[in-house]
C-alpha atoms as a PDB file:
ATOM      1  CA  MET A   1      20.939  66.565  70.091  1.00  0.00           C
ATOM      2  CA  PRO A   2      24.704  66.172  69.526  1.00  0.00           C
ATOM      3  CA  ALA A   3      26.809  64.350  72.092  1.00  0.00           C
ATOM      4  CA  ASP A   4      28.204  66.458  74.921  1.00  0.00           C
ATOM      5  CA  ALA A   5      31.956  66.684  74.260  1.00  0.00           C
ATOM      6  CA  ALA A   6      32.587  67.301  77.960  1.00  0.00           C
ATOM      7  CA  ILE A   7      31.284  63.838  78.892  1.00  0.00           C
ATOM      8  CA  THR A   8      33.656  60.975  79.666  1.00  0.00           C
ATOM      9  CA  VAL A   9      32.291  57.428  79.778  1.00  0.00           C
ATOM     10  CA  ARG A  10      34.383  55.011  81.851  1.00  0.00           C
ATOM     11  CA  ARG A  11      34.088  51.856  83.957  1.00  0.00           C
ATOM     12  CA  ALA A  12      32.632  52.526  87.389  1.00  0.00           C
ATOM     13  CA  THR A  13      34.880  52.194  90.430  1.00  0.00           C
ATOM     14  CA  GLU A  14      34.239  51.782  94.144  1.00  0.00           C
ATOM     15  CA  ALA A  15      34.559  55.562  94.475  1.00  0.00           C
ATOM     16  CA  ASP A  16      31.442  55.900  92.278  1.00  0.00           C
ATOM     17  CA  VAL A  17      29.184  53.846  94.556  1.00  0.00           C
ATOM     18  CA  PRO A  18      27.565  56.882  96.275  1.00  0.00           C
ATOM     19  CA  ALA A  19      26.750  58.448  92.885  1.00  0.00           C
ATOM     20  CA  LEU A  20      25.452  55.096  91.607  1.00  0.00           C
ATOM     21  CA  GLY A  21      23.238  54.866  94.680  1.00  0.00           C
ATOM     22  CA  ARG A  22      21.909  58.391  94.137  1.00  0.00           C
ATOM     23  CA  LEU A  23      21.090  57.670  90.502  1.00  0.00           C
ATOM     24  CA  GLY A  24      19.709  54.194  91.235  1.00  0.00           C
ATOM     25  CA  ALA A  25      17.368  55.643  93.853  1.00  0.00           C
ATOM     26  CA  GLU A  26      16.191  58.168  91.258  1.00  0.00           C
ATOM     27  CA  LEU A  27      15.540  55.270  88.869  1.00  0.00           C
ATOM     28  CA  ILE A  28      13.355  53.652  91.542  1.00  0.00           C
ATOM     29  CA  ARG A  29      11.449  56.918  92.120  1.00  0.00           C
ATOM     30  CA  VAL A  30      10.868  57.577  88.412  1.00  0.00           C
ATOM     31  CA  HIS A  31       9.583  54.061  87.795  1.00  0.00           C
ATOM     32  CA  HIS A  32       7.360  54.173  90.875  1.00  0.00           C
ATOM     33  CA  GLU A  33       5.837  57.404  89.536  1.00  0.00           C
ATOM     34  CA  PHE A  34       5.182  55.651  86.199  1.00  0.00           C
ATOM     35  CA  ASP A  35       3.207  52.851  87.903  1.00  0.00           C
ATOM     36  CA  PRO A  36       3.075  52.598  91.720  1.00  0.00           C
ATOM     37  CA  ALA A  37       1.355  49.203  91.584  1.00  0.00           C
ATOM     38  CA  ARG A  38       4.120  47.649  89.443  1.00  0.00           C
ATOM     39  CA  PHE A  39       7.371  49.203  90.649  1.00  0.00           C
ATOM     40  CA  LEU A  40       9.076  49.247  94.049  1.00  0.00           C
ATOM     41  CA  THR A  41       8.024  51.910  96.519  1.00  0.00           C
ATOM     42  CA  PRO A  42      11.047  53.998  97.503  1.00  0.00           C
ATOM     43  CA  SER A  43      11.490  53.528 101.234  1.00  0.00           C
ATOM     44  CA  GLY A  44      14.232  53.544 103.815  1.00  0.00           C
ATOM     45  CA  SER A  45      17.523  54.414 102.166  1.00  0.00           C
ATOM     46  CA  PRO A  46      17.284  53.396  98.506  1.00  0.00           C
ATOM     47  CA  GLU A  47      20.520  55.303  97.802  1.00  0.00           C
ATOM     48  CA  ALA A  48      22.521  53.079 100.141  1.00  0.00           C
ATOM     49  CA  GLY A  49      20.781  49.900  99.045  1.00  0.00           C
ATOM     50  CA  TYR A  50      21.064  50.499  95.323  1.00  0.00           C
ATOM     51  CA  GLY A  51      24.635  51.736  95.659  1.00  0.00           C
ATOM     52  CA  ARG A  52      25.570  48.546  97.499  1.00  0.00           C
ATOM     53  CA  PHE A  53      23.742  46.454  94.890  1.00  0.00           C
ATOM     54  CA  LEU A  54      25.466  48.128  91.918  1.00  0.00           C
ATOM     55  CA  GLY A  55      28.803  47.896  93.719  1.00  0.00           C
ATOM     56  CA  GLN A  56      28.346  44.123  93.694  1.00  0.00           C
ATOM     57  CA  GLN A  57      27.250  44.055  90.063  1.00  0.00           C
ATOM     58  CA  MET A  58      30.242  46.012  88.797  1.00  0.00           C
ATOM     59  CA  ASN A  59      32.534  43.314  90.194  1.00  0.00           C
ATOM     60  CA  ALA A  60      30.626  40.376  88.690  1.00  0.00           C
ATOM     61  CA  PRO A  61      32.495  38.707  85.800  1.00  0.00           C
ATOM     62  CA  ASP A  62      29.587  38.888  83.334  1.00  0.00           C
ATOM     63  CA  ASP A  63      28.412  42.384  84.267  1.00  0.00           C
ATOM     64  CA  VAL A  64      29.651  45.905  83.669  1.00  0.00           C
ATOM     65  CA  VAL A  65      28.757  49.332  85.024  1.00  0.00           C
ATOM     66  CA  PHE A  66      29.839  52.401  83.096  1.00  0.00           C
ATOM     67  CA  VAL A  67      29.451  55.953  84.357  1.00  0.00           C
ATOM     68  CA  ALA A  68      29.202  59.198  82.433  1.00  0.00           C
ATOM     69  CA  GLU A  69      31.211  61.950  84.071  1.00  0.00           C
ATOM     70  CA  ARG A  70      31.132  65.707  83.427  1.00  0.00           C
ATOM     71  CA  ASP A  71      33.610  67.964  85.204  1.00  0.00           C
ATOM     72  CA  GLY A  72      34.404  65.218  87.713  1.00  0.00           C
ATOM     73  CA  VAL A  73      30.731  64.597  88.576  1.00  0.00           C
ATOM     74  CA  VAL A  74      28.910  61.370  87.675  1.00  0.00           C
ATOM     75  CA  VAL A  75      25.813  62.358  85.671  1.00  0.00           C
ATOM     76  CA  GLY A  76      24.645  58.935  84.536  1.00  0.00           C
ATOM     77  CA  TYR A  77      25.313  55.214  84.498  1.00  0.00           C
ATOM     78  CA  VAL A  78      24.471  52.052  82.627  1.00  0.00           C
ATOM     79  CA  TRP A  79      24.517  48.532  84.048  1.00  0.00           C
ATOM     80  CA  ALA A  80      24.604  45.633  81.614  1.00  0.00           C
ATOM     81  CA  GLY A  81      25.394  41.948  81.700  1.00  0.00           C
ATOM     82  CA  ILE A  82      25.477  38.676  79.846  1.00  0.00           C
ATOM     83  CA  GLU A  83      22.403  36.551  80.491  1.00  0.00           C
ATOM     84  CA  PRO A  84      22.392  32.774  79.877  1.00  0.00           C
ATOM     85  CA  ARG A  85      19.918  30.963  77.635  1.00  0.00           C
ATOM     86  CA  SER A  86      16.433  31.253  79.095  1.00  0.00           C
ATOM     87  CA  TRP A  87      13.762  28.690  78.347  1.00  0.00           C
ATOM     88  CA  LYS A  88      11.358  30.875  80.324  1.00  0.00           C
ATOM     89  CA  GLU A  89      12.004  33.875  78.074  1.00  0.00           C
ATOM     90  CA  LEU A  90      12.411  31.732  74.918  1.00  0.00           C
ATOM     91  CA  ARG A  91      15.779  33.257  74.069  1.00  0.00           C
ATOM     92  CA  ASP A  92      19.389  32.250  73.716  1.00  0.00           C
ATOM     93  CA  VAL A  93      22.375  33.871  75.441  1.00  0.00           C
ATOM     94  CA  ALA A  94      22.042  37.639  75.213  1.00  0.00           C
ATOM     95  CA  GLY A  95      23.476  40.855  76.462  1.00  0.00           C
ATOM     96  CA  PHE A  96      21.038  42.770  78.615  1.00  0.00           C
ATOM     97  CA  VAL A  97      21.012  46.460  79.498  1.00  0.00           C
ATOM     98  CA  HIS A  98      19.486  46.380  82.977  1.00  0.00           C
ATOM     99  CA  ASP A  99      19.629  50.079  83.900  1.00  0.00           C
ATOM    100  CA  VAL A 100      20.412  53.344  82.226  1.00  0.00           C
ATOM    101  CA  ILE A 101      19.762  56.709  83.825  1.00  0.00           C
ATOM    102  CA  VAL A 102      21.022  60.231  83.288  1.00  0.00           C
ATOM    103  CA  ASP A 103      20.652  63.219  85.623  1.00  0.00           C
ATOM    104  CA  PRO A 104      17.851  65.494  84.373  1.00  0.00           C
ATOM    105  CA  ASP A 105      20.272  68.403  83.835  1.00  0.00           C
ATOM    106  CA  ALA A 106      22.439  66.219  81.555  1.00  0.00           C
ATOM    107  CA  GLN A 107      19.606  64.721  79.508  1.00  0.00           C
ATOM    108  CA  ARG A 108      19.093  65.415  75.810  1.00  0.00           C
ATOM    109  CA  ARG A 109      22.845  65.839  75.259  1.00  0.00           C
ATOM    110  CA  GLY A 110      23.674  62.351  74.019  1.00  0.00           C
ATOM    111  CA  VAL A 111      24.766  61.015  77.417  1.00  0.00           C
ATOM    112  CA  GLY A 112      22.257  58.155  77.448  1.00  0.00           C
ATOM    113  CA  ALA A 113      23.270  57.160  73.922  1.00  0.00           C
ATOM    114  CA  GLN A 114      26.960  57.158  74.874  1.00  0.00           C
ATOM    115  CA  LEU A 115      26.240  54.954  77.885  1.00  0.00           C
ATOM    116  CA  VAL A 116      24.101  52.450  75.977  1.00  0.00           C
ATOM    117  CA  GLU A 117      26.644  52.281  73.137  1.00  0.00           C
ATOM    118  CA  ALA A 118      29.483  51.646  75.620  1.00  0.00           C
ATOM    119  CA  ALA A 119      27.491  48.800  77.182  1.00  0.00           C
ATOM    120  CA  ALA A 120      26.582  47.349  73.781  1.00  0.00           C
ATOM    121  CA  ALA A 121      30.214  47.480  72.628  1.00  0.00           C
ATOM    122  CA  TRP A 122      31.328  45.701  75.824  1.00  0.00           C
ATOM    123  CA  LEU A 123      28.658  43.017  75.357  1.00  0.00           C
ATOM    124  CA  PHE A 124      29.322  42.465  71.635  1.00  0.00           C
ATOM    125  CA  ALA A 125      33.064  42.230  72.331  1.00  0.00           C
ATOM    126  CA  ARG A 126      32.203  39.250  74.553  1.00  0.00           C
ATOM    127  CA  GLY A 127      30.426  37.465  71.713  1.00  0.00           C
ATOM    128  CA  VAL A 128      26.754  37.920  72.544  1.00  0.00           C
ATOM    129  CA  PRO A 129      24.545  37.699  69.448  1.00  0.00           C
ATOM    130  CA  ARG A 130      22.145  40.441  70.546  1.00  0.00           C
ATOM    131  CA  VAL A 131      21.598  43.106  73.176  1.00  0.00           C
ATOM    132  CA  MET A 132      18.200  43.412  74.808  1.00  0.00           C
ATOM    133  CA  LEU A 133      16.559  45.731  77.308  1.00  0.00           C
ATOM    134  CA  TRP A 134      13.239  46.488  78.927  1.00  0.00           C
ATOM    135  CA  THR A 135      11.715  49.922  79.191  1.00  0.00           C
ATOM    136  CA  ALA A 136       8.760  51.186  81.165  1.00  0.00           C
ATOM    137  CA  GLU A 137       5.627  51.600  79.048  1.00  0.00           C
ATOM    138  CA  LYS A 138       5.349  55.275  80.025  1.00  0.00           C
ATOM    139  CA  ASN A 139       9.037  56.043  79.407  1.00  0.00           C
ATOM    140  CA  THR A 140       8.518  57.313  75.865  1.00  0.00           C
ATOM    141  CA  HIS A 141      11.692  59.437  75.848  1.00  0.00           C
ATOM    142  CA  ALA A 142      13.838  56.364  76.547  1.00  0.00           C
ATOM    143  CA  GLN A 143      11.922  54.334  73.970  1.00  0.00           C
ATOM    144  CA  ARG A 144      12.696  56.915  71.274  1.00  0.00           C
ATOM    145  CA  LEU A 145      16.384  56.837  72.256  1.00  0.00           C
ATOM    146  CA  PHE A 146      16.504  53.047  72.099  1.00  0.00           C
ATOM    147  CA  GLU A 147      14.791  53.012  68.706  1.00  0.00           C
ATOM    148  CA  ARG A 148      17.312  55.570  67.373  1.00  0.00           C
ATOM    149  CA  LEU A 149      20.073  53.239  68.590  1.00  0.00           C
ATOM    150  CA  GLY A 150      18.619  50.328  66.596  1.00  0.00           C
ATOM    151  CA  PHE A 151      16.553  48.496  69.217  1.00  0.00           C
ATOM    152  CA  ARG A 152      13.194  47.068  68.146  1.00  0.00           C
ATOM    153  CA  ARG A 153      10.129  46.031  70.119  1.00  0.00           C
ATOM    154  CA  THR A 154       9.791  42.281  70.663  1.00  0.00           C
ATOM    155  CA  MET A 155       7.754  41.740  73.857  1.00  0.00           C
ATOM    156  CA  ILE A 156       5.100  43.552  75.871  1.00  0.00           C
ATOM    157  CA  GLU A 157       4.884  43.009  79.642  1.00  0.00           C
ATOM    158  CA  MET A 158       1.371  42.958  81.055  1.00  0.00           C
ATOM    159  CA  THR A 159       0.632  43.128  84.770  1.00  0.00           C
ATOM    160  CA  ARG A 160      -2.488  42.323  86.788  1.00  0.00           C
ATOM    161  CA  GLU A 161      -3.117  42.913  90.469  1.00  0.00           C
ATOM    162  CA  PRO A 162      -5.972  41.346  92.483  1.00  0.00           C
END
């Protein structure tokens, strides 16, 4: 679907923390529904906790949080950062898209693509040789978006519980 012309993508500010918390809590809920044994159980006040967490991330020197805004309302965000070389993950320095989420009523309008592209541009401008991300196995809609944006599959996470 074509990009929504009414969407503005910009750096997140402290004023966006409540919206970031709302969307981050939704991210927790969606992932928990995908696989309750693997992902955090939403409890307490995930909106406050995730908002506080993203508020810290957006002020970190190697991280960025962008929001997508429509008519003055935040309808999505992306959080990305520069990750150092990892012997554990067998990879060199890389940009990493940690989160991307769009309100259900704003999905399928190019908002997610705009957010991911803003994060990728920010990361590439800082000299990273590649941008990586993880996606939930059951999140096929996001996987199709990422593939359209040029991402390719390189690893498969497998989980085992006792």
